[in-house]
């Protein structure tokens, strides 16, 4: 978990306006996970969209890669206080995923992102739709490395990066805003970096 006492380099004037409070800039891409890196075989990979326990649509790896592709470039921010600028991603926008599932009206305003290592995290529908998020399969022009969540991870860049669940296998609509793995262990239910919403008692 993040530590309130964690500190990094002081930002320079040229980067300060892009850094949320308490963050420092890194040129690296640190690897953080709750356990060992899963090795997901592409022949076995399957992405499923659920309404509660009921599957709404599912795609194999080949089927998923036939969906419309989206590119995004921008900054990402980790709850452990590093930020990385101008990252480049490619994948399937959540809007295109919903369209491919024939989902004209999402059934609830809340979802859980589901991962192959049994990690989950809650993300409101409003933070996934409207071009705000994607299921990413490529980083910096290359297939996403397993250590960074490959073959596919959620990308929700305007929230702390623990919300961008690695090794994604599905999204589940829920009847309420359900806490995920880290949220049950003291992390904030939303995670806005600009408001420093790291922990459950942060406003």
N, C-alpha and C. Protein backbone atom coordinates (compact mmCIF):
# COMPACT_ATOMS: atom_id res chain seq x y z
N UNK A 1 0.84 -1.20 0.00
CA UNK A 1 0.00 0.00 0.00
C UNK A 1 0.87 1.24 0.00
N UNK A 2 0.31 2.35 -0.44
CA UNK A 2 1.04 3.61 -0.44
C UNK A 2 1.30 4.06 0.99
N UNK A 3 2.38 4.79 1.16
CA UNK A 3 2.78 5.28 2.46
C UNK A 3 2.70 6.80 2.43
N UNK A 4 2.05 7.41 3.41
CA UNK A 4 1.91 8.86 3.42
C UNK A 4 3.26 9.55 3.50
N UNK A 5 4.28 8.89 3.98
CA UNK A 5 5.59 9.51 4.13
C UNK A 5 6.48 9.36 2.91
N UNK A 6 6.01 8.68 1.87
CA UNK A 6 6.82 8.46 0.67
C UNK A 6 7.11 9.80 0.00
N UNK A 7 8.38 10.06 -0.36
CA UNK A 7 8.75 11.31 -1.01
C UNK A 7 9.61 11.02 -2.22
N UNK A 8 9.63 11.95 -3.15
CA UNK A 8 10.44 11.83 -4.36
C UNK A 8 11.10 13.15 -4.68
N UNK A 9 11.59 13.27 -5.93
CA UNK A 9 12.28 14.49 -6.34
C UNK A 9 11.32 15.67 -6.43
N UNK A 10 11.82 16.84 -6.09
CA UNK A 10 11.02 18.05 -6.22
C UNK A 10 10.84 18.39 -7.70
N UNK A 11 9.61 18.66 -8.16
CA UNK A 11 9.40 18.93 -9.57
C UNK A 11 9.98 20.28 -9.98
N UNK A 12 10.49 20.37 -11.21
CA UNK A 12 10.94 21.63 -11.76
C UNK A 12 9.77 22.46 -12.24
N UNK A 13 10.05 23.72 -12.54
CA UNK A 13 8.98 24.64 -12.93
C UNK A 13 8.27 24.18 -14.20
N UNK A 14 9.02 23.54 -15.12
CA UNK A 14 8.44 23.15 -16.41
C UNK A 14 7.42 22.01 -16.27
N UNK A 15 7.53 21.24 -15.21
CA UNK A 15 6.64 20.08 -15.06
C UNK A 15 5.62 20.24 -13.94
N UNK A 16 5.81 21.24 -13.08
CA UNK A 16 4.98 21.35 -11.88
C UNK A 16 3.49 21.44 -12.20
N UNK A 17 3.13 22.14 -13.27
CA UNK A 17 1.71 22.33 -13.57
C UNK A 17 1.03 21.03 -14.01
N UNK A 18 1.83 20.05 -14.44
CA UNK A 18 1.26 18.77 -14.87
C UNK A 18 1.26 17.71 -13.77
N UNK A 19 1.89 18.02 -12.66
CA UNK A 19 1.98 17.06 -11.57
C UNK A 19 0.88 17.32 -10.54
N UNK A 20 0.04 16.33 -10.27
CA UNK A 20 -0.91 16.49 -9.16
C UNK A 20 -0.17 16.68 -7.84
N UNK A 21 -0.82 17.22 -6.83
CA UNK A 21 -0.16 17.44 -5.53
C UNK A 21 0.44 16.15 -4.99
N UNK A 22 1.66 16.27 -4.48
CA UNK A 22 2.33 15.14 -3.85
C UNK A 22 3.01 14.17 -4.79
N UNK A 23 2.94 14.41 -6.11
CA UNK A 23 3.54 13.50 -7.08
C UNK A 23 4.93 13.95 -7.49
N UNK A 24 5.75 13.01 -7.97
CA UNK A 24 7.04 13.34 -8.56
C UNK A 24 7.13 12.66 -9.93
N UNK A 25 7.93 13.23 -10.81
CA UNK A 25 8.07 12.74 -12.17
C UNK A 25 9.11 11.64 -12.26
N UNK A 26 8.77 10.57 -12.99
CA UNK A 26 9.74 9.52 -13.26
C UNK A 26 9.82 9.26 -14.75
N UNK A 27 11.01 8.87 -15.21
CA UNK A 27 11.19 8.45 -16.60
C UNK A 27 11.00 6.95 -16.73
N UNK A 28 11.01 6.23 -15.60
CA UNK A 28 10.82 4.79 -15.60
C UNK A 28 9.33 4.46 -15.64
N UNK A 29 9.05 3.16 -15.64
CA UNK A 29 7.67 2.69 -15.53
C UNK A 29 7.68 1.63 -14.43
N UNK A 30 7.58 2.07 -13.16
CA UNK A 30 7.67 1.12 -12.04
C UNK A 30 6.63 0.01 -12.14
N UNK A 31 7.00 -1.16 -11.67
CA UNK A 31 6.12 -2.32 -11.68
C UNK A 31 5.63 -2.57 -10.26
N UNK A 32 4.31 -2.50 -10.09
CA UNK A 32 3.70 -2.74 -8.79
C UNK A 32 2.54 -3.71 -8.98
N UNK A 33 2.42 -4.68 -8.09
CA UNK A 33 1.33 -5.65 -8.17
C UNK A 33 1.11 -6.24 -6.79
N UNK A 34 -0.05 -6.86 -6.59
CA UNK A 34 -0.36 -7.46 -5.31
C UNK A 34 0.24 -8.85 -5.15
N UNK A 35 0.75 -9.44 -6.24
CA UNK A 35 1.31 -10.78 -6.19
C UNK A 35 2.10 -11.09 -7.45
N UNK A 36 2.38 -12.36 -7.72
CA UNK A 36 3.14 -12.74 -8.91
C UNK A 36 2.43 -12.33 -10.20
N UNK A 37 3.22 -12.13 -11.23
CA UNK A 37 2.67 -11.75 -12.53
C UNK A 37 2.00 -12.95 -13.19
N UNK A 38 0.70 -12.87 -13.49
CA UNK A 38 0.06 -13.97 -14.21
C UNK A 38 0.59 -14.06 -15.64
N UNK A 39 0.69 -15.25 -16.17
CA UNK A 39 1.06 -15.47 -17.57
C UNK A 39 -0.16 -15.97 -18.30
N UNK A 40 -0.76 -15.10 -19.08
CA UNK A 40 -2.04 -15.38 -19.72
C UNK A 40 -1.80 -15.80 -21.16
N UNK A 41 -2.17 -17.02 -21.50
CA UNK A 41 -2.05 -17.50 -22.87
C UNK A 41 -3.13 -16.86 -23.74
N UNK A 42 -2.70 -16.32 -24.89
CA UNK A 42 -3.65 -15.64 -25.75
C UNK A 42 -4.75 -16.58 -26.24
N UNK A 43 -4.41 -17.85 -26.42
CA UNK A 43 -5.42 -18.82 -26.88
C UNK A 43 -6.48 -19.06 -25.82
N UNK A 44 -6.17 -18.76 -24.56
CA UNK A 44 -7.11 -18.97 -23.46
C UNK A 44 -7.77 -17.67 -23.00
N UNK A 45 -7.25 -16.53 -23.47
CA UNK A 45 -7.76 -15.24 -23.01
C UNK A 45 -9.19 -15.03 -23.48
N UNK A 46 -10.00 -14.48 -22.61
CA UNK A 46 -11.39 -14.18 -22.94
C UNK A 46 -11.82 -12.98 -22.13
N UNK A 47 -12.46 -12.03 -22.79
CA UNK A 47 -12.96 -10.85 -22.11
C UNK A 47 -14.49 -10.92 -22.09
N UNK A 48 -15.06 -10.76 -20.89
CA UNK A 48 -16.51 -10.90 -20.73
C UNK A 48 -17.07 -9.65 -20.07
N UNK A 49 -18.17 -9.19 -20.60
CA UNK A 49 -18.93 -8.08 -20.02
C UNK A 49 -20.14 -8.69 -19.33
N UNK A 50 -20.30 -8.37 -18.03
CA UNK A 50 -21.36 -8.97 -17.21
C UNK A 50 -22.33 -7.91 -16.71
N UNK A 51 -23.58 -8.32 -16.52
CA UNK A 51 -24.54 -7.59 -15.72
C UNK A 51 -24.78 -8.43 -14.49
N UNK A 52 -24.13 -8.08 -13.38
CA UNK A 52 -24.13 -8.97 -12.22
C UNK A 52 -23.48 -10.29 -12.62
N UNK A 53 -24.12 -11.45 -12.35
CA UNK A 53 -23.54 -12.73 -12.74
C UNK A 53 -23.82 -13.11 -14.19
N UNK A 54 -24.65 -12.33 -14.87
CA UNK A 54 -25.11 -12.71 -16.21
C UNK A 54 -24.19 -12.16 -17.29
N UNK A 55 -23.59 -13.03 -18.12
CA UNK A 55 -22.77 -12.53 -19.22
C UNK A 55 -23.62 -11.81 -20.26
N UNK A 56 -23.14 -10.64 -20.68
CA UNK A 56 -23.79 -9.87 -21.73
C UNK A 56 -23.14 -10.09 -23.09
N UNK A 57 -21.82 -10.23 -23.09
CA UNK A 57 -21.06 -10.45 -24.33
C UNK A 57 -19.67 -10.93 -23.94
N UNK A 58 -19.02 -11.64 -24.86
CA UNK A 58 -17.67 -12.14 -24.61
C UNK A 58 -16.91 -12.20 -25.91
N UNK A 59 -15.58 -12.02 -25.82
CA UNK A 59 -14.72 -12.02 -26.99
C UNK A 59 -13.46 -12.83 -26.70
N UNK A 60 -13.05 -13.62 -27.67
CA UNK A 60 -11.73 -14.24 -27.63
C UNK A 60 -10.69 -13.17 -27.98
N UNK A 61 -9.41 -13.51 -27.87
CA UNK A 61 -8.36 -12.55 -28.21
C UNK A 61 -8.47 -12.11 -29.68
N UNK A 62 -8.67 -13.06 -30.58
CA UNK A 62 -8.78 -12.70 -32.00
C UNK A 62 -10.01 -11.84 -32.25
N UNK A 63 -11.12 -12.18 -31.62
CA UNK A 63 -12.34 -11.39 -31.80
C UNK A 63 -12.18 -9.98 -31.23
N UNK A 64 -11.53 -9.91 -30.08
CA UNK A 64 -11.32 -8.61 -29.44
C UNK A 64 -10.49 -7.70 -30.33
N UNK A 65 -9.51 -8.26 -31.00
CA UNK A 65 -8.62 -7.45 -31.83
C UNK A 65 -9.23 -7.06 -33.17
N UNK A 66 -10.45 -7.53 -33.43
CA UNK A 66 -11.19 -7.07 -34.60
C UNK A 66 -12.04 -5.84 -34.29
N UNK A 67 -12.13 -5.46 -33.01
CA UNK A 67 -12.91 -4.29 -32.63
C UNK A 67 -12.17 -3.01 -33.00
N UNK A 68 -12.88 -1.89 -33.13
CA UNK A 68 -12.21 -0.62 -33.47
C UNK A 68 -11.10 -0.29 -32.48
N UNK A 69 -10.02 0.28 -33.01
CA UNK A 69 -8.85 0.59 -32.20
C UNK A 69 -8.79 2.08 -31.89
N UNK A 70 -8.29 2.39 -30.71
CA UNK A 70 -8.16 3.77 -30.24
C UNK A 70 -6.74 4.00 -29.74
N UNK A 71 -6.20 5.20 -29.99
CA UNK A 71 -4.90 5.59 -29.46
C UNK A 71 -5.09 6.72 -28.45
N UNK A 72 -4.25 6.73 -27.43
CA UNK A 72 -4.29 7.81 -26.43
C UNK A 72 -2.87 8.11 -25.97
N UNK A 73 -2.58 9.39 -25.80
CA UNK A 73 -1.29 9.82 -25.25
C UNK A 73 -1.54 10.80 -24.13
N UNK A 74 -0.86 10.60 -23.01
CA UNK A 74 -1.02 11.53 -21.89
C UNK A 74 -0.29 11.04 -20.66
N UNK A 75 -0.59 11.67 -19.53
CA UNK A 75 0.12 11.44 -18.28
C UNK A 75 -0.64 10.44 -17.41
N UNK A 76 0.10 9.65 -16.65
CA UNK A 76 -0.49 8.71 -15.70
C UNK A 76 0.12 8.96 -14.32
N UNK A 77 -0.65 8.62 -13.28
CA UNK A 77 -0.27 8.97 -11.91
C UNK A 77 -0.55 7.79 -10.98
N UNK A 78 0.46 7.33 -10.29
CA UNK A 78 0.33 6.19 -9.38
C UNK A 78 0.10 6.68 -7.95
N UNK A 79 -0.67 5.92 -7.19
CA UNK A 79 -0.95 6.27 -5.81
C UNK A 79 0.32 6.26 -4.96
N UNK A 80 1.37 5.56 -5.39
CA UNK A 80 2.63 5.56 -4.67
C UNK A 80 3.47 6.80 -4.99
N UNK A 81 2.87 7.76 -5.70
CA UNK A 81 3.35 9.13 -5.88
C UNK A 81 4.24 9.36 -7.09
N UNK A 82 4.45 8.36 -7.96
CA UNK A 82 5.15 8.67 -9.20
C UNK A 82 4.14 9.03 -10.29
N UNK A 83 4.59 9.89 -11.19
CA UNK A 83 3.83 10.24 -12.40
C UNK A 83 4.73 10.05 -13.60
N UNK A 84 4.15 9.64 -14.70
CA UNK A 84 4.89 9.45 -15.95
C UNK A 84 4.17 10.23 -17.04
N UNK A 85 4.93 11.06 -17.76
CA UNK A 85 4.34 11.95 -18.75
C UNK A 85 4.36 11.33 -20.15
N UNK A 86 3.38 11.75 -20.96
CA UNK A 86 3.35 11.46 -22.40
C UNK A 86 3.41 9.97 -22.71
N UNK A 87 2.72 9.16 -21.91
CA UNK A 87 2.65 7.73 -22.21
C UNK A 87 1.74 7.51 -23.42
N UNK A 88 2.03 6.47 -24.18
CA UNK A 88 1.28 6.19 -25.41
C UNK A 88 0.66 4.80 -25.34
N UNK A 89 -0.64 4.75 -25.57
CA UNK A 89 -1.40 3.51 -25.43
C UNK A 89 -2.27 3.28 -26.66
N UNK A 90 -2.58 2.02 -26.89
CA UNK A 90 -3.52 1.65 -27.94
C UNK A 90 -4.40 0.52 -27.43
N UNK A 91 -5.68 0.56 -27.79
CA UNK A 91 -6.58 -0.50 -27.36
C UNK A 91 -7.98 -0.25 -27.86
N UNK A 92 -8.95 -0.78 -27.13
CA UNK A 92 -10.36 -0.67 -27.50
C UNK A 92 -11.05 0.24 -26.49
N UNK A 93 -11.61 1.35 -26.98
CA UNK A 93 -12.33 2.26 -26.09
C UNK A 93 -13.53 1.56 -25.47
N UNK A 94 -13.81 1.91 -24.23
CA UNK A 94 -14.95 1.30 -23.54
C UNK A 94 -16.25 1.58 -24.30
N UNK A 95 -16.37 2.76 -24.90
CA UNK A 95 -17.56 3.06 -25.70
C UNK A 95 -17.72 2.07 -26.85
N UNK A 96 -16.61 1.74 -27.53
CA UNK A 96 -16.68 0.79 -28.64
C UNK A 96 -16.98 -0.61 -28.15
N UNK A 97 -16.49 -0.93 -26.97
CA UNK A 97 -16.78 -2.24 -26.37
C UNK A 97 -18.28 -2.37 -26.09
N UNK A 98 -18.87 -1.34 -25.50
CA UNK A 98 -20.30 -1.36 -25.22
C UNK A 98 -21.11 -1.45 -26.52
N UNK A 99 -20.66 -0.72 -27.53
CA UNK A 99 -21.37 -0.75 -28.82
C UNK A 99 -21.30 -2.15 -29.43
N UNK A 100 -20.14 -2.79 -29.36
CA UNK A 100 -19.99 -4.14 -29.91
C UNK A 100 -20.86 -5.15 -29.16
N UNK A 101 -21.13 -4.87 -27.89
CA UNK A 101 -21.99 -5.75 -27.10
C UNK A 101 -23.47 -5.45 -27.33
N UNK A 102 -23.77 -4.42 -28.14
CA UNK A 102 -25.15 -4.05 -28.38
C UNK A 102 -25.80 -3.41 -27.17
N UNK A 103 -24.98 -2.77 -26.34
CA UNK A 103 -25.47 -2.22 -25.08
C UNK A 103 -25.91 -0.77 -25.30
N UNK A 104 -27.17 -0.58 -25.59
CA UNK A 104 -27.68 0.77 -25.85
C UNK A 104 -27.77 1.59 -24.57
N UNK A 105 -28.15 0.94 -23.48
CA UNK A 105 -28.29 1.62 -22.20
C UNK A 105 -27.63 0.78 -21.12
N UNK A 106 -26.49 1.21 -20.57
CA UNK A 106 -25.85 0.45 -19.50
C UNK A 106 -26.82 0.21 -18.34
N UNK A 107 -26.83 -0.99 -17.77
CA UNK A 107 -27.84 -1.33 -16.77
C UNK A 107 -27.67 -0.65 -15.42
N UNK A 108 -26.45 -0.25 -15.06
CA UNK A 108 -26.22 0.42 -13.78
C UNK A 108 -25.11 1.46 -13.96
N UNK A 109 -24.94 2.38 -13.02
CA UNK A 109 -23.87 3.39 -13.10
C UNK A 109 -22.54 2.93 -12.54
N UNK A 110 -22.42 1.65 -12.13
CA UNK A 110 -21.20 1.20 -11.46
C UNK A 110 -20.68 -0.09 -12.09
N UNK A 111 -19.36 -0.24 -12.07
CA UNK A 111 -18.74 -1.45 -12.59
C UNK A 111 -17.58 -1.86 -11.70
N UNK A 112 -17.27 -3.15 -11.77
CA UNK A 112 -16.02 -3.69 -11.22
C UNK A 112 -15.18 -4.19 -12.38
N UNK A 113 -13.90 -3.80 -12.38
CA UNK A 113 -12.94 -4.37 -13.32
C UNK A 113 -12.40 -5.66 -12.72
N UNK A 114 -12.38 -6.74 -13.51
CA UNK A 114 -12.02 -8.07 -13.04
C UNK A 114 -10.72 -8.52 -13.69
N UNK A 115 -9.78 -9.02 -12.88
CA UNK A 115 -8.47 -9.40 -13.39
C UNK A 115 -8.21 -10.89 -13.24
N UNK A 116 -7.24 -11.38 -14.00
CA UNK A 116 -6.90 -12.81 -13.98
C UNK A 116 -6.29 -13.25 -12.66
N UNK A 117 -5.77 -12.32 -11.87
CA UNK A 117 -5.20 -12.69 -10.57
C UNK A 117 -6.19 -12.46 -9.43
N UNK A 118 -7.49 -12.39 -9.77
CA UNK A 118 -8.57 -12.20 -8.80
C UNK A 118 -8.55 -10.82 -8.17
N UNK A 119 -7.79 -9.89 -8.73
CA UNK A 119 -7.85 -8.49 -8.33
C UNK A 119 -9.09 -7.86 -8.96
N UNK A 120 -9.73 -6.98 -8.24
CA UNK A 120 -10.81 -6.20 -8.84
C UNK A 120 -10.75 -4.78 -8.29
N UNK A 121 -11.35 -3.85 -9.01
CA UNK A 121 -11.42 -2.47 -8.56
C UNK A 121 -12.67 -1.82 -9.13
N UNK A 122 -13.28 -0.95 -8.36
CA UNK A 122 -14.52 -0.30 -8.78
C UNK A 122 -14.21 0.97 -9.56
N UNK A 123 -14.95 1.19 -10.65
CA UNK A 123 -14.84 2.41 -11.45
C UNK A 123 -16.25 2.80 -11.90
N UNK A 124 -16.67 4.03 -11.62
CA UNK A 124 -18.00 4.45 -12.08
C UNK A 124 -18.10 4.45 -13.60
N UNK A 125 -19.28 4.16 -14.10
CA UNK A 125 -19.52 4.19 -15.54
C UNK A 125 -19.11 5.53 -16.14
N UNK A 126 -19.38 6.62 -15.44
CA UNK A 126 -19.06 7.96 -15.96
C UNK A 126 -17.58 8.16 -16.19
N UNK A 127 -16.73 7.36 -15.54
CA UNK A 127 -15.29 7.48 -15.71
C UNK A 127 -14.74 6.50 -16.75
N UNK A 128 -15.60 5.67 -17.30
CA UNK A 128 -15.20 4.74 -18.36
C UNK A 128 -15.73 5.15 -19.71
N UNK A 129 -16.95 5.66 -19.74
CA UNK A 129 -17.60 6.03 -21.01
C UNK A 129 -17.21 7.44 -21.44
N UNK A 130 -17.67 7.83 -22.62
CA UNK A 130 -17.40 9.17 -23.11
C UNK A 130 -15.96 9.39 -23.53
N UNK A 131 -15.29 8.31 -23.96
CA UNK A 131 -13.91 8.44 -24.41
C UNK A 131 -12.89 8.58 -23.30
N UNK A 132 -13.25 8.23 -22.07
CA UNK A 132 -12.37 8.45 -20.93
C UNK A 132 -11.51 7.25 -20.58
N UNK A 133 -11.78 6.08 -21.17
CA UNK A 133 -11.06 4.87 -20.77
C UNK A 133 -11.03 3.87 -21.92
N UNK A 134 -10.10 2.93 -21.83
CA UNK A 134 -10.00 1.87 -22.83
C UNK A 134 -9.50 0.59 -22.19
N UNK A 135 -9.66 -0.51 -22.91
CA UNK A 135 -8.94 -1.74 -22.61
C UNK A 135 -7.69 -1.71 -23.48
N UNK A 136 -6.55 -1.49 -22.85
CA UNK A 136 -5.30 -1.28 -23.58
C UNK A 136 -4.57 -2.60 -23.83
N UNK A 137 -4.07 -2.75 -25.06
CA UNK A 137 -3.30 -3.94 -25.43
C UNK A 137 -1.88 -3.60 -25.85
N UNK A 138 -1.58 -2.31 -26.07
CA UNK A 138 -0.26 -1.88 -26.51
C UNK A 138 0.19 -0.66 -25.70
N UNK A 139 1.48 -0.62 -25.40
CA UNK A 139 2.09 0.52 -24.74
C UNK A 139 3.34 0.92 -25.51
N UNK A 140 3.45 2.20 -25.83
CA UNK A 140 4.61 2.73 -26.54
C UNK A 140 4.86 1.97 -27.84
N UNK A 141 3.78 1.62 -28.53
CA UNK A 141 3.86 0.98 -29.83
C UNK A 141 4.12 -0.51 -29.81
N UNK A 142 4.22 -1.12 -28.63
CA UNK A 142 4.51 -2.54 -28.51
C UNK A 142 3.41 -3.25 -27.72
N UNK A 143 3.22 -4.56 -27.99
CA UNK A 143 2.25 -5.30 -27.17
C UNK A 143 2.56 -5.14 -25.68
N UNK A 144 1.54 -5.00 -24.90
CA UNK A 144 1.69 -4.73 -23.47
C UNK A 144 2.40 -5.89 -22.78
N UNK A 145 3.51 -5.57 -22.11
CA UNK A 145 4.30 -6.59 -21.42
C UNK A 145 3.52 -7.13 -20.22
N UNK A 146 3.66 -8.44 -19.92
CA UNK A 146 2.94 -9.01 -18.79
C UNK A 146 3.13 -8.24 -17.48
N UNK A 147 4.35 -7.73 -17.21
CA UNK A 147 4.58 -7.02 -15.96
C UNK A 147 3.73 -5.75 -15.86
N UNK A 148 3.32 -5.21 -16.99
CA UNK A 148 2.50 -4.01 -17.01
C UNK A 148 1.04 -4.31 -17.32
N UNK A 149 0.68 -5.60 -17.19
CA UNK A 149 -0.73 -5.96 -17.30
C UNK A 149 -1.13 -6.67 -18.56
N UNK A 150 -0.16 -6.99 -19.44
CA UNK A 150 -0.48 -7.66 -20.68
C UNK A 150 -1.00 -9.07 -20.46
N UNK A 151 -1.84 -9.52 -21.38
CA UNK A 151 -2.07 -8.94 -22.70
C UNK A 151 -3.01 -7.74 -22.76
N UNK A 152 -3.80 -7.49 -21.72
CA UNK A 152 -4.74 -6.37 -21.77
C UNK A 152 -4.98 -5.86 -20.36
N UNK A 153 -5.03 -4.54 -20.23
CA UNK A 153 -5.33 -3.93 -18.95
C UNK A 153 -6.32 -2.79 -19.16
N UNK A 154 -6.99 -2.42 -18.12
CA UNK A 154 -7.83 -1.24 -18.15
C UNK A 154 -6.94 0.00 -18.11
N UNK A 155 -7.32 1.04 -18.83
CA UNK A 155 -6.62 2.32 -18.77
C UNK A 155 -7.64 3.41 -18.46
N UNK A 156 -7.54 3.95 -17.24
CA UNK A 156 -8.38 5.06 -16.80
C UNK A 156 -7.42 6.16 -16.33
N UNK A 157 -6.83 6.90 -17.24
CA UNK A 157 -5.67 7.73 -16.90
C UNK A 157 -5.95 8.90 -15.99
N UNK A 158 -7.20 9.33 -15.88
CA UNK A 158 -7.48 10.49 -15.04
C UNK A 158 -7.65 10.12 -13.56
N UNK A 159 -7.61 8.82 -13.23
CA UNK A 159 -7.64 8.36 -11.85
C UNK A 159 -6.29 7.75 -11.49
N UNK A 160 -6.03 7.60 -10.18
CA UNK A 160 -4.81 6.91 -9.76
C UNK A 160 -4.73 5.56 -10.46
N UNK A 161 -3.51 5.12 -10.73
CA UNK A 161 -3.32 4.01 -11.66
C UNK A 161 -3.73 2.66 -11.11
N UNK A 162 -4.01 2.55 -9.79
CA UNK A 162 -4.51 1.25 -9.31
C UNK A 162 -5.90 0.96 -9.88
N UNK A 163 -6.59 2.01 -10.36
CA UNK A 163 -7.89 1.81 -10.99
C UNK A 163 -7.76 1.23 -12.40
N UNK A 164 -6.57 1.32 -12.99
CA UNK A 164 -6.33 0.76 -14.33
C UNK A 164 -5.88 -0.69 -14.18
N UNK A 165 -6.84 -1.54 -13.85
CA UNK A 165 -6.55 -2.92 -13.46
C UNK A 165 -5.76 -3.68 -14.52
N UNK A 166 -4.71 -4.38 -14.09
CA UNK A 166 -3.90 -5.21 -14.97
C UNK A 166 -4.60 -6.54 -15.27
N UNK A 167 -4.10 -7.22 -16.33
CA UNK A 167 -4.52 -8.59 -16.69
C UNK A 167 -6.05 -8.70 -16.73
N UNK A 168 -6.64 -7.75 -17.41
CA UNK A 168 -8.09 -7.62 -17.39
C UNK A 168 -8.76 -8.80 -18.10
N UNK A 169 -9.80 -9.31 -17.48
CA UNK A 169 -10.58 -10.40 -18.08
C UNK A 169 -12.06 -10.05 -18.21
N UNK A 170 -12.48 -8.91 -17.66
CA UNK A 170 -13.87 -8.55 -17.80
C UNK A 170 -14.25 -7.30 -17.02
N UNK A 171 -15.45 -6.83 -17.30
CA UNK A 171 -16.08 -5.75 -16.55
C UNK A 171 -17.46 -6.23 -16.11
N UNK A 172 -17.80 -5.94 -14.85
CA UNK A 172 -19.08 -6.38 -14.30
C UNK A 172 -19.90 -5.17 -13.82
N UNK A 173 -21.10 -5.01 -14.39
CA UNK A 173 -22.01 -4.01 -13.85
C UNK A 173 -22.52 -4.48 -12.50
N UNK A 174 -22.55 -3.57 -11.52
CA UNK A 174 -22.99 -3.91 -10.17
C UNK A 174 -24.14 -3.00 -9.76
N UNK A 175 -24.94 -3.47 -8.82
CA UNK A 175 -26.12 -2.72 -8.39
C UNK A 175 -25.77 -1.57 -7.44
N UNK A 176 -24.55 -1.57 -6.93
CA UNK A 176 -24.08 -0.49 -6.07
C UNK A 176 -22.59 -0.31 -6.32
N UNK A 177 -22.04 0.72 -5.75
CA UNK A 177 -20.61 0.99 -5.90
C UNK A 177 -19.84 0.07 -4.95
N UNK A 178 -19.45 -1.11 -5.45
CA UNK A 178 -18.80 -2.13 -4.62
C UNK A 178 -17.30 -1.87 -4.51
N UNK A 179 -16.78 -1.96 -3.31
CA UNK A 179 -15.35 -1.82 -3.09
C UNK A 179 -14.61 -3.01 -3.71
N UNK A 180 -13.45 -2.72 -4.30
CA UNK A 180 -12.59 -3.76 -4.86
C UNK A 180 -11.49 -4.16 -3.89
N UNK A 181 -10.45 -4.79 -4.42
CA UNK A 181 -9.39 -5.36 -3.58
C UNK A 181 -8.75 -4.31 -2.67
N UNK A 182 -8.21 -3.23 -3.26
CA UNK A 182 -7.52 -2.22 -2.44
C UNK A 182 -8.50 -1.32 -1.71
N UNK A 183 -9.67 -1.11 -2.27
CA UNK A 183 -10.66 -0.28 -1.59
C UNK A 183 -11.10 -0.93 -0.27
N UNK A 184 -11.18 -2.25 -0.25
CA UNK A 184 -11.50 -2.96 0.98
C UNK A 184 -10.37 -2.89 2.00
N UNK A 185 -9.18 -2.51 1.55
CA UNK A 185 -8.01 -2.45 2.42
C UNK A 185 -7.56 -1.03 2.69
N UNK A 186 -8.48 -0.09 2.55
CA UNK A 186 -8.21 1.27 3.00
C UNK A 186 -7.98 2.30 1.93
N UNK A 187 -7.97 1.90 0.66
CA UNK A 187 -7.82 2.89 -0.40
C UNK A 187 -9.15 3.61 -0.66
N UNK A 188 -9.04 4.76 -1.31
CA UNK A 188 -10.20 5.59 -1.59
C UNK A 188 -11.13 4.91 -2.59
N UNK A 189 -12.40 5.15 -2.48
CA UNK A 189 -13.36 4.54 -3.40
C UNK A 189 -13.30 5.15 -4.81
N UNK A 190 -12.75 6.37 -4.93
CA UNK A 190 -12.71 7.01 -6.25
C UNK A 190 -11.28 7.15 -6.76
N UNK A 191 -10.42 7.91 -6.08
CA UNK A 191 -9.01 7.96 -6.46
C UNK A 191 -8.65 9.05 -7.45
N UNK A 192 -9.07 10.28 -7.19
CA UNK A 192 -8.71 11.42 -8.04
C UNK A 192 -7.33 11.93 -7.62
N UNK A 193 -6.32 11.87 -8.51
CA UNK A 193 -4.98 12.33 -8.11
C UNK A 193 -4.91 13.82 -7.79
N UNK A 194 -5.73 14.61 -8.44
CA UNK A 194 -5.68 16.05 -8.21
C UNK A 194 -6.28 16.44 -6.86
N UNK A 195 -7.06 15.54 -6.27
CA UNK A 195 -7.60 15.76 -4.93
C UNK A 195 -6.87 14.92 -3.88
N UNK A 196 -5.82 14.21 -4.31
CA UNK A 196 -5.04 13.33 -3.42
C UNK A 196 -5.93 12.33 -2.68
N UNK A 197 -6.83 11.70 -3.42
CA UNK A 197 -7.74 10.72 -2.83
C UNK A 197 -7.08 9.35 -2.81
N UNK A 198 -6.13 9.21 -1.90
CA UNK A 198 -5.40 7.95 -1.77
C UNK A 198 -6.09 6.98 -0.82
N UNK A 199 -6.52 7.50 0.32
CA UNK A 199 -7.01 6.64 1.38
C UNK A 199 -8.48 6.93 1.69
N UNK A 200 -9.12 5.99 2.35
CA UNK A 200 -10.56 6.09 2.57
C UNK A 200 -10.96 7.31 3.38
N UNK A 201 -10.06 7.85 4.19
CA UNK A 201 -10.42 9.02 4.99
C UNK A 201 -10.02 10.34 4.30
N UNK A 202 -9.50 10.26 3.06
CA UNK A 202 -9.25 11.48 2.30
C UNK A 202 -10.57 11.99 1.74
N UNK A 203 -10.75 13.34 1.69
CA UNK A 203 -12.03 13.86 1.21
C UNK A 203 -12.25 13.59 -0.28
